[in-house]
Amino acid sequence: MAKAGKGSGTHHAVPNPNGGWDVRRGGAERASGHFDTKREAIDRGREISRNAGTEFKIYNQDGRIGQSDSHGNDPRNIKG
């Protein structure tokens, strides 16, 4: 499984190898929260990410990023 990114400007919803899902800040050793379902992890992770103004990466069960949300830290520079 891919590791959560190293930047502290991100949060990640990742599958836990022992079951369930974790929300982690990028580069953190410990999870901010552990949840039974992916939906619960996404809901709480989005809330944390919005409050912190970070990117939020949602991983699939296979460990690859399936979705990404920007909450005030969008790395793209798109005008218009």
PDB file of N, CA and C in Angstrom:
ATOM      1  N   MET A   1       0.832  -1.181   0.000  1.00  0.00           N
ATOM      2  CA  MET A   1       0.000   0.000   0.000  1.00  0.00           C
ATOM      3  C   MET A   1       0.876   1.243   0.000  1.00  0.00           C
ATOM      4  N   ALA A   2       0.440   2.270  -0.700  1.00  0.00           N
ATOM      5  CA  ALA A   2       1.178   3.530  -0.736  1.00  0.00           C
ATOM      6  C   ALA A   2       1.082   4.230   0.604  1.00  0.00           C
ATOM      7  N   LYS A   3       2.149   4.877   0.971  1.00  0.00           N
ATOM      8  CA  LYS A   3       2.154   5.640   2.219  1.00  0.00           C
ATOM      9  C   LYS A   3       1.519   6.992   1.988  1.00  0.00           C
ATOM     10  N   ALA A   4       0.959   7.557   3.058  1.00  0.00           N
ATOM     11  CA  ALA A   4       0.427   8.909   2.978  1.00  0.00           C
ATOM     12  C   ALA A   4       1.578   9.851   2.642  1.00  0.00           C
ATOM     13  N   GLY A   5       1.264  10.924   1.919  1.00  0.00           N
ATOM     14  CA  GLY A   5       2.287  11.864   1.484  1.00  0.00           C
ATOM     15  C   GLY A   5       3.049  12.496   2.634  1.00  0.00           C
ATOM     16  N   LYS A   6       4.214  13.014   2.332  1.00  0.00           N
ATOM     17  CA  LYS A   6       5.084  13.560   3.365  1.00  0.00           C
ATOM     18  C   LYS A   6       4.771  14.996   3.714  1.00  0.00           C
ATOM     19  N   GLY A   7       4.057  15.716   2.858  1.00  0.00           N
ATOM     20  CA  GLY A   7       3.783  17.117   3.141  1.00  0.00           C
ATOM     21  C   GLY A   7       2.774  17.289   4.248  1.00  0.00           C
ATOM     22  N   SER A   8       3.029  18.244   5.143  1.00  0.00           N
ATOM     23  CA  SER A   8       2.089  18.468   6.238  1.00  0.00           C
ATOM     24  C   SER A   8       0.885  19.266   5.773  1.00  0.00           C
ATOM     25  N   GLY A   9       0.880  19.699   4.503  1.00  0.00           N
ATOM     26  CA  GLY A   9      -0.254  20.425   3.952  1.00  0.00           C
ATOM     27  C   GLY A   9      -1.303  19.485   3.381  1.00  0.00           C
ATOM     28  N   THR A  10      -1.280  18.227   3.821  1.00  0.00           N
ATOM     29  CA  THR A  10      -2.246  17.246   3.324  1.00  0.00           C
ATOM     30  C   THR A  10      -2.831  16.426   4.467  1.00  0.00           C
ATOM     31  N   HIS A  11      -4.007  15.908   4.219  1.00  0.00           N
ATOM     32  CA  HIS A  11      -4.613  14.880   5.066  1.00  0.00           C
ATOM     33  C   HIS A  11      -5.018  13.743   4.141  1.00  0.00           C
ATOM     34  N   HIS A  12      -5.062  12.523   4.686  1.00  0.00           N
ATOM     35  CA  HIS A  12      -5.300  11.344   3.873  1.00  0.00           C
ATOM     36  C   HIS A  12      -6.282  10.404   4.563  1.00  0.00           C
ATOM     37  N   ALA A  13      -7.225   9.851   3.798  1.00  0.00           N
ATOM     38  CA  ALA A  13      -8.077   8.757   4.269  1.00  0.00           C
ATOM     39  C   ALA A  13      -7.495   7.499   3.642  1.00  0.00           C
ATOM     40  N   VAL A  14      -6.938   6.624   4.486  1.00  0.00           N
ATOM     41  CA  VAL A  14      -6.213   5.453   3.997  1.00  0.00           C
ATOM     42  C   VAL A  14      -6.737   4.174   4.651  1.00  0.00           C
ATOM     43  N   PRO A  15      -6.707   3.052   3.912  1.00  0.00           N
ATOM     44  CA  PRO A  15      -7.110   1.790   4.534  1.00  0.00           C
ATOM     45  C   PRO A  15      -6.087   1.374   5.592  1.00  0.00           C
ATOM     46  N   ASN A  16      -6.589   0.890   6.716  1.00  0.00           N
ATOM     47  CA  ASN A  16      -5.712   0.391   7.776  1.00  0.00           C
ATOM     48  C   ASN A  16      -5.452  -1.081   7.515  1.00  0.00           C
ATOM     49  N   PRO A  17      -4.201  -1.542   7.570  1.00  0.00           N
ATOM     50  CA  PRO A  17      -3.902  -2.946   7.278  1.00  0.00           C
ATOM     51  C   PRO A  17      -4.593  -3.928   8.227  1.00  0.00           C
ATOM     52  N   ASN A  18      -5.002  -3.456   9.393  1.00  0.00           N
ATOM     53  CA  ASN A  18      -5.693  -4.317  10.362  1.00  0.00           C
ATOM     54  C   ASN A  18      -7.207  -4.206  10.270  1.00  0.00           C
ATOM     55  N   GLY A  19      -7.700  -3.496   9.260  1.00  0.00           N
ATOM     56  CA  GLY A  19      -9.131  -3.328   9.074  1.00  0.00           C
ATOM     57  C   GLY A  19      -9.559  -1.900   9.357  1.00  0.00           C
ATOM     58  N   GLY A  20     -10.614  -1.473   8.708  1.00  0.00           N
ATOM     59  CA  GLY A  20     -11.113  -0.116   8.879  1.00  0.00           C
ATOM     60  C   GLY A  20     -10.293   0.890   8.084  1.00  0.00           C
ATOM     61  N   TRP A  21     -10.486   2.153   8.421  1.00  0.00           N
ATOM     62  CA  TRP A  21      -9.854   3.262   7.697  1.00  0.00           C
ATOM     63  C   TRP A  21      -9.295   4.268   8.676  1.00  0.00           C
ATOM     64  N   ASP A  22      -8.180   4.896   8.293  1.00  0.00           N
ATOM     65  CA  ASP A  22      -7.541   5.913   9.116  1.00  0.00           C
ATOM     66  C   ASP A  22      -7.551   7.251   8.396  1.00  0.00           C
ATOM     67  N   VAL A  23      -7.597   8.315   9.178  1.00  0.00           N
ATOM     68  CA  VAL A  23      -7.351   9.662   8.670  1.00  0.00           C
ATOM     69  C   VAL A  23      -6.010  10.085   9.251  1.00  0.00           C
ATOM     70  N   ARG A  24      -5.087  10.487   8.368  1.00  0.00           N
ATOM     71  CA  ARG A  24      -3.737  10.874   8.794  1.00  0.00           C
ATOM     72  C   ARG A  24      -3.351  12.210   8.193  1.00  0.00           C
ATOM     73  N   ARG A  25      -2.600  12.981   8.925  1.00  0.00           N
ATOM     74  CA  ARG A  25      -1.966  14.171   8.378  1.00  0.00           C
ATOM     75  C   ARG A  25      -0.730  13.698   7.613  1.00  0.00           C
ATOM     76  N   GLY A  26      -0.416  14.315   6.488  1.00  0.00           N
ATOM     77  CA  GLY A  26       0.738  13.930   5.698  1.00  0.00           C
ATOM     78  C   GLY A  26       2.006  13.893   6.526  1.00  0.00           C
ATOM     79  N   GLY A  27       2.726  12.789   6.478  1.00  0.00           N
ATOM     80  CA  GLY A  27       3.975  12.630   7.194  1.00  0.00           C
ATOM     81  C   GLY A  27       3.840  12.166   8.635  1.00  0.00           C
ATOM     82  N   ALA A  28       2.608  12.061   9.129  1.00  0.00           N
ATOM     83  CA  ALA A  28       2.399  11.661  10.524  1.00  0.00           C
ATOM     84  C   ALA A  28       2.545  10.157  10.703  1.00  0.00           C
ATOM     85  N   GLU A  29       3.095   9.756  11.823  1.00  0.00           N
ATOM     86  CA  GLU A  29       3.226   8.335  12.161  1.00  0.00           C
ATOM     87  C   GLU A  29       1.880   7.764  12.637  1.00  0.00           C
ATOM     88  N   ARG A  30       1.161   8.558  13.423  1.00  0.00           N
ATOM     89  CA  ARG A  30      -0.097   8.083  14.003  1.00  0.00           C
ATOM     90  C   ARG A  30      -1.294   8.691  13.281  1.00  0.00           C
ATOM     91  N   ALA A  31      -2.386   7.966  13.297  1.00  0.00           N
ATOM     92  CA  ALA A  31      -3.618   8.429  12.670  1.00  0.00           C
ATOM     93  C   ALA A  31      -4.298   9.486  13.544  1.00  0.00           C
ATOM     94  N   SER A  32      -4.960  10.436  12.901  1.00  0.00           N
ATOM     95  CA  SER A  32      -5.783  11.414  13.609  1.00  0.00           C
ATOM     96  C   SER A  32      -7.071  10.761  14.092  1.00  0.00           C
ATOM     97  N   GLY A  33      -7.490   9.714  13.385  1.00  0.00           N
ATOM     98  CA  GLY A  33      -8.696   8.987  13.758  1.00  0.00           C
ATOM     99  C   GLY A  33      -8.775   7.657  13.026  1.00  0.00           C
ATOM    100  N   HIS A  34      -9.447   6.693  13.651  1.00  0.00           N
ATOM    101  CA  HIS A  34      -9.666   5.379  13.043  1.00  0.00           C
ATOM    102  C   HIS A  34     -11.168   5.160  12.942  1.00  0.00           C
ATOM    103  N   PHE A  35     -11.611   4.617  11.804  1.00  0.00           N
ATOM    104  CA  PHE A  35     -13.043   4.470  11.531  1.00  0.00           C
ATOM    105  C   PHE A  35     -13.327   3.097  10.944  1.00  0.00           C
ATOM    106  N   ASP A  36     -14.520   2.603  11.213  1.00  0.00           N
ATOM    107  CA  ASP A  36     -14.920   1.294  10.713  1.00  0.00           C
ATOM    108  C   ASP A  36     -15.159   1.299   9.208  1.00  0.00           C
ATOM    109  N   THR A  37     -15.666   2.433   8.687  1.00  0.00           N
ATOM    110  CA  THR A  37     -16.000   2.486   7.265  1.00  0.00           C
ATOM    111  C   THR A  37     -15.253   3.613   6.564  1.00  0.00           C
ATOM    112  N   LYS A  38     -15.100   3.455   5.270  1.00  0.00           N
ATOM    113  CA  LYS A  38     -14.464   4.481   4.449  1.00  0.00           C
ATOM    114  C   LYS A  38     -15.287   5.762   4.489  1.00  0.00           C
ATOM    115  N   ARG A  39     -16.606   5.635   4.450  1.00  0.00           N
ATOM    116  CA  ARG A  39     -17.498   6.803   4.467  1.00  0.00           C
ATOM    117  C   ARG A  39     -17.278   7.644   5.725  1.00  0.00           C
ATOM    118  N   GLU A  40     -17.154   6.999   6.884  1.00  0.00           N
ATOM    119  CA  GLU A  40     -16.918   7.715   8.138  1.00  0.00           C
ATOM    120  C   GLU A  40     -15.567   8.435   8.092  1.00  0.00           C
ATOM    121  N   ALA A  41     -14.553   7.770   7.549  1.00  0.00           N
ATOM    122  CA  ALA A  41     -13.219   8.366   7.448  1.00  0.00           C
ATOM    123  C   ALA A  41     -13.235   9.570   6.509  1.00  0.00           C
ATOM    124  N   ILE A  42     -13.934   9.457   5.395  1.00  0.00           N
ATOM    125  CA  ILE A  42     -14.023  10.564   4.442  1.00  0.00           C
ATOM    126  C   ILE A  42     -14.734  11.750   5.071  1.00  0.00           C
ATOM    127  N   ASP A  43     -15.855  11.503   5.735  1.00  0.00           N
ATOM    128  CA  ASP A  43     -16.611  12.604   6.349  1.00  0.00           C
ATOM    129  C   ASP A  43     -15.772  13.344   7.386  1.00  0.00           C
ATOM    130  N   ARG A  44     -15.105  12.611   8.261  1.00  0.00           N
ATOM    131  CA  ARG A  44     -14.281  13.246   9.293  1.00  0.00           C
ATOM    132  C   ARG A  44     -13.022  13.867   8.688  1.00  0.00           C
ATOM    133  N   GLY A  45     -12.414  13.188   7.725  1.00  0.00           N
ATOM    134  CA  GLY A  45     -11.224  13.722   7.072  1.00  0.00           C
ATOM    135  C   GLY A  45     -11.493  15.029   6.355  1.00  0.00           C
ATOM    136  N   ARG A  46     -12.634  15.130   5.689  1.00  0.00           N
ATOM    137  CA  ARG A  46     -12.991  16.387   5.009  1.00  0.00           C
ATOM    138  C   ARG A  46     -13.165  17.514   6.026  1.00  0.00           C
ATOM    139  N   GLU A  47     -13.792  17.200   7.138  1.00  0.00           N
ATOM    140  CA  GLU A  47     -13.984  18.205   8.181  1.00  0.00           C
ATOM    141  C   GLU A  47     -12.626  18.696   8.709  1.00  0.00           C
ATOM    142  N   ILE A  48     -11.736  17.765   9.003  1.00  0.00           N
ATOM    143  CA  ILE A  48     -10.396  18.121   9.494  1.00  0.00           C
ATOM    144  C   ILE A  48      -9.652  18.934   8.436  1.00  0.00           C
ATOM    145  N   SER A  49      -9.710  18.496   7.180  1.00  0.00           N
ATOM    146  CA  SER A  49      -9.009  19.156   6.089  1.00  0.00           C
ATOM    147  C   SER A  49      -9.534  20.580   5.867  1.00  0.00           C
ATOM    148  N   ARG A  50     -10.845  20.753   5.923  1.00  0.00           N
ATOM    149  CA  ARG A  50     -11.429  22.096   5.776  1.00  0.00           C
ATOM    150  C   ARG A  50     -10.932  23.021   6.889  1.00  0.00           C
ATOM    151  N   ASN A  51     -10.952  22.529   8.112  1.00  0.00           N
ATOM    152  CA  ASN A  51     -10.518  23.341   9.254  1.00  0.00           C
ATOM    153  C   ASN A  51      -9.041  23.707   9.164  1.00  0.00           C
ATOM    154  N   ALA A  52      -8.230  22.812   8.625  1.00  0.00           N
ATOM    155  CA  ALA A  52      -6.789  23.040   8.529  1.00  0.00           C
ATOM    156  C   ALA A  52      -6.390  23.717   7.219  1.00  0.00           C
ATOM    157  N   GLY A  53      -7.307  23.787   6.244  1.00  0.00           N
ATOM    158  CA  GLY A  53      -6.993  24.373   4.943  1.00  0.00           C
ATOM    159  C   GLY A  53      -5.976  23.558   4.165  1.00  0.00           C
ATOM    160  N   THR A  54      -6.130  22.224   4.174  1.00  0.00           N
ATOM    161  CA  THR A  54      -5.177  21.332   3.515  1.00  0.00           C
ATOM    162  C   THR A  54      -5.806  20.604   2.331  1.00  0.00           C
ATOM    163  N   GLU A  55      -4.961  19.962   1.543  1.00  0.00           N
ATOM    164  CA  GLU A  55      -5.424  19.032   0.509  1.00  0.00           C
ATOM    165  C   GLU A  55      -5.902  17.766   1.216  1.00  0.00           C
ATOM    166  N   PHE A  56      -6.938  17.125   0.681  1.00  0.00           N
ATOM    167  CA  PHE A  56      -7.444  15.887   1.259  1.00  0.00           C
ATOM    168  C   PHE A  56      -7.410  14.810   0.190  1.00  0.00           C
ATOM    169  N   LYS A  57      -6.622  13.770   0.434  1.00  0.00           N
ATOM    170  CA  LYS A  57      -6.456  12.654  -0.508  1.00  0.00           C
ATOM    171  C   LYS A  57      -7.225  11.445   0.015  1.00  0.00           C
ATOM    172  N   ILE A  58      -8.059  10.888  -0.841  1.00  0.00           N
ATOM    173  CA  ILE A  58      -8.862   9.712  -0.475  1.00  0.00           C
ATOM    174  C   ILE A  58      -8.322   8.518  -1.256  1.00  0.00           C
ATOM    175  N   TYR A  59      -7.858   7.527  -0.530  1.00  0.00           N
ATOM    176  CA  TYR A  59      -7.241   6.350  -1.135  1.00  0.00           C
ATOM    177  C   TYR A  59      -8.270   5.250  -1.366  1.00  0.00           C
ATOM    178  N   ASN A  60      -8.012   4.408  -2.365  1.00  0.00           N
ATOM    179  CA  ASN A  60      -8.801   3.205  -2.600  1.00  0.00           C
ATOM    180  C   ASN A  60      -8.249   2.078  -1.737  1.00  0.00           C
ATOM    181  N   GLN A  61      -8.947   0.986  -1.680  1.00  0.00           N
ATOM    182  CA  GLN A  61      -8.511  -0.172  -0.898  1.00  0.00           C
ATOM    183  C   GLN A  61      -7.149  -0.683  -1.354  1.00  0.00           C
ATOM    184  N   ASP A  62      -6.824  -0.484  -2.643  1.00  0.00           N
ATOM    185  CA  ASP A  62      -5.540  -0.962  -3.175  1.00  0.00           C
ATOM    186  C   ASP A  62      -4.373  -0.033  -2.840  1.00  0.00           C
ATOM    187  N   GLY A  63      -4.635   1.068  -2.119  1.00  0.00           N
ATOM    188  CA  GLY A  63      -3.574   1.972  -1.697  1.00  0.00           C
ATOM    189  C   GLY A  63      -3.263   3.093  -2.664  1.00  0.00           C
ATOM    190  N   ARG A  64      -4.026   3.188  -3.750  1.00  0.00           N
ATOM    191  CA  ARG A  64      -3.818   4.260  -4.716  1.00  0.00           C
ATOM    192  C   ARG A  64      -4.824   5.376  -4.477  1.00  0.00           C
ATOM    193  N   ILE A  65      -4.404   6.612  -4.776  1.00  0.00           N
ATOM    194  CA  ILE A  65      -5.292   7.760  -4.585  1.00  0.00           C
ATOM    195  C   ILE A  65      -6.442   7.665  -5.580  1.00  0.00           C
ATOM    196  N   GLY A  66      -7.668   7.721  -5.056  1.00  0.00           N
ATOM    197  CA  GLY A  66      -8.847   7.654  -5.897  1.00  0.00           C
ATOM    198  C   GLY A  66      -9.497   9.008  -6.099  1.00  0.00           C
ATOM    199  N   GLN A  67      -9.296   9.922  -5.147  1.00  0.00           N
ATOM    200  CA  GLN A  67      -9.928  11.231  -5.213  1.00  0.00           C
ATOM    201  C   GLN A  67      -9.106  12.210  -4.388  1.00  0.00           C
ATOM    202  N   SER A  68      -9.149  13.485  -4.774  1.00  0.00           N
ATOM    203  CA  SER A  68      -8.429  14.520  -4.047  1.00  0.00           C
ATOM    204  C   SER A  68      -9.294  15.767  -3.977  1.00  0.00           C
ATOM    205  N   ASP A  69      -9.364  16.364  -2.784  1.00  0.00           N
ATOM    206  CA  ASP A  69     -10.119  17.601  -2.584  1.00  0.00           C
ATOM    207  C   ASP A  69      -9.165  18.687  -2.105  1.00  0.00           C
ATOM    208  N   SER A  70      -9.413  19.912  -2.526  1.00  0.00           N
ATOM    209  CA  SER A  70      -8.609  21.032  -2.074  1.00  0.00           C
ATOM    210  C   SER A  70      -9.431  21.890  -1.128  1.00  0.00           C
ATOM    211  N   HIS A  71      -8.866  22.169   0.035  1.00  0.00           N
ATOM    212  CA  HIS A  71      -9.542  23.003   1.029  1.00  0.00           C
ATOM    213  C   HIS A  71      -8.626  24.163   1.411  1.00  0.00           C
ATOM    214  N   GLY A  72      -8.345  25.017   0.425  1.00  0.00           N
ATOM    215  CA  GLY A  72      -7.555  26.206   0.697  1.00  0.00           C
ATOM    216  C   GLY A  72      -6.077  26.065   0.407  1.00  0.00           C
ATOM    217  N   ASN A  73      -5.642  24.926  -0.086  1.00  0.00           N
ATOM    218  CA  ASN A  73      -4.223  24.718  -0.381  1.00  0.00           C
ATOM    219  C   ASN A  73      -4.083  24.107  -1.755  1.00  0.00           C
ATOM    220  N   ASP A  74      -4.787  24.659  -2.733  1.00  0.00           N
ATOM    221  CA  ASP A  74      -4.784  24.102  -4.087  1.00  0.00           C
ATOM    222  C   ASP A  74      -3.444  24.355  -4.762  1.00  0.00           C
ATOM    223  N   PRO A  75      -2.712  23.290  -5.127  1.00  0.00           N
ATOM    224  CA  PRO A  75      -1.405  23.478  -5.746  1.00  0.00           C
ATOM    225  C   PRO A  75      -1.476  23.971  -7.187  1.00  0.00           C
ATOM    226  N   ARG A  76      -2.632  23.890  -7.804  1.00  0.00           N
ATOM    227  CA  ARG A  76      -2.767  24.338  -9.194  1.00  0.00           C
ATOM    228  C   ARG A  76      -2.986  25.848  -9.235  1.00  0.00           C
ATOM    229  N   ASN A  77      -2.493  26.473 -10.272  1.00  0.00           N
ATOM    230  CA  ASN A  77      -2.648  27.914 -10.445  1.00  0.00           C
ATOM    231  C   ASN A  77      -3.494  28.151 -11.687  1.00  0.00           C
ATOM    232  N   ILE A  78      -4.816  28.062 -11.505  1.00  0.00           N
ATOM    233  CA  ILE A  78      -5.748  28.207 -12.618  1.00  0.00           C
ATOM    234  C   ILE A  78      -6.465  29.551 -12.492  1.00  0.00           C
ATOM    235  N   LYS A  79      -6.391  30.358 -13.548  1.00  0.00           N
ATOM    236  CA  LYS A  79      -7.070  31.651 -13.518  1.00  0.00           C
ATOM    237  C   LYS A  79      -8.438  31.515 -14.140  1.00  0.00           C
ATOM    238  N   GLY A  80      -9.361  32.353 -13.635  1.00  0.00           N
ATOM    239  CA  GLY A  80     -10.688  32.396 -14.246  1.00  0.00           C
ATOM    240  C   GLY A  80     -11.712  31.839 -13.434  1.00  0.00           C
TER     241      GLY A  80
END
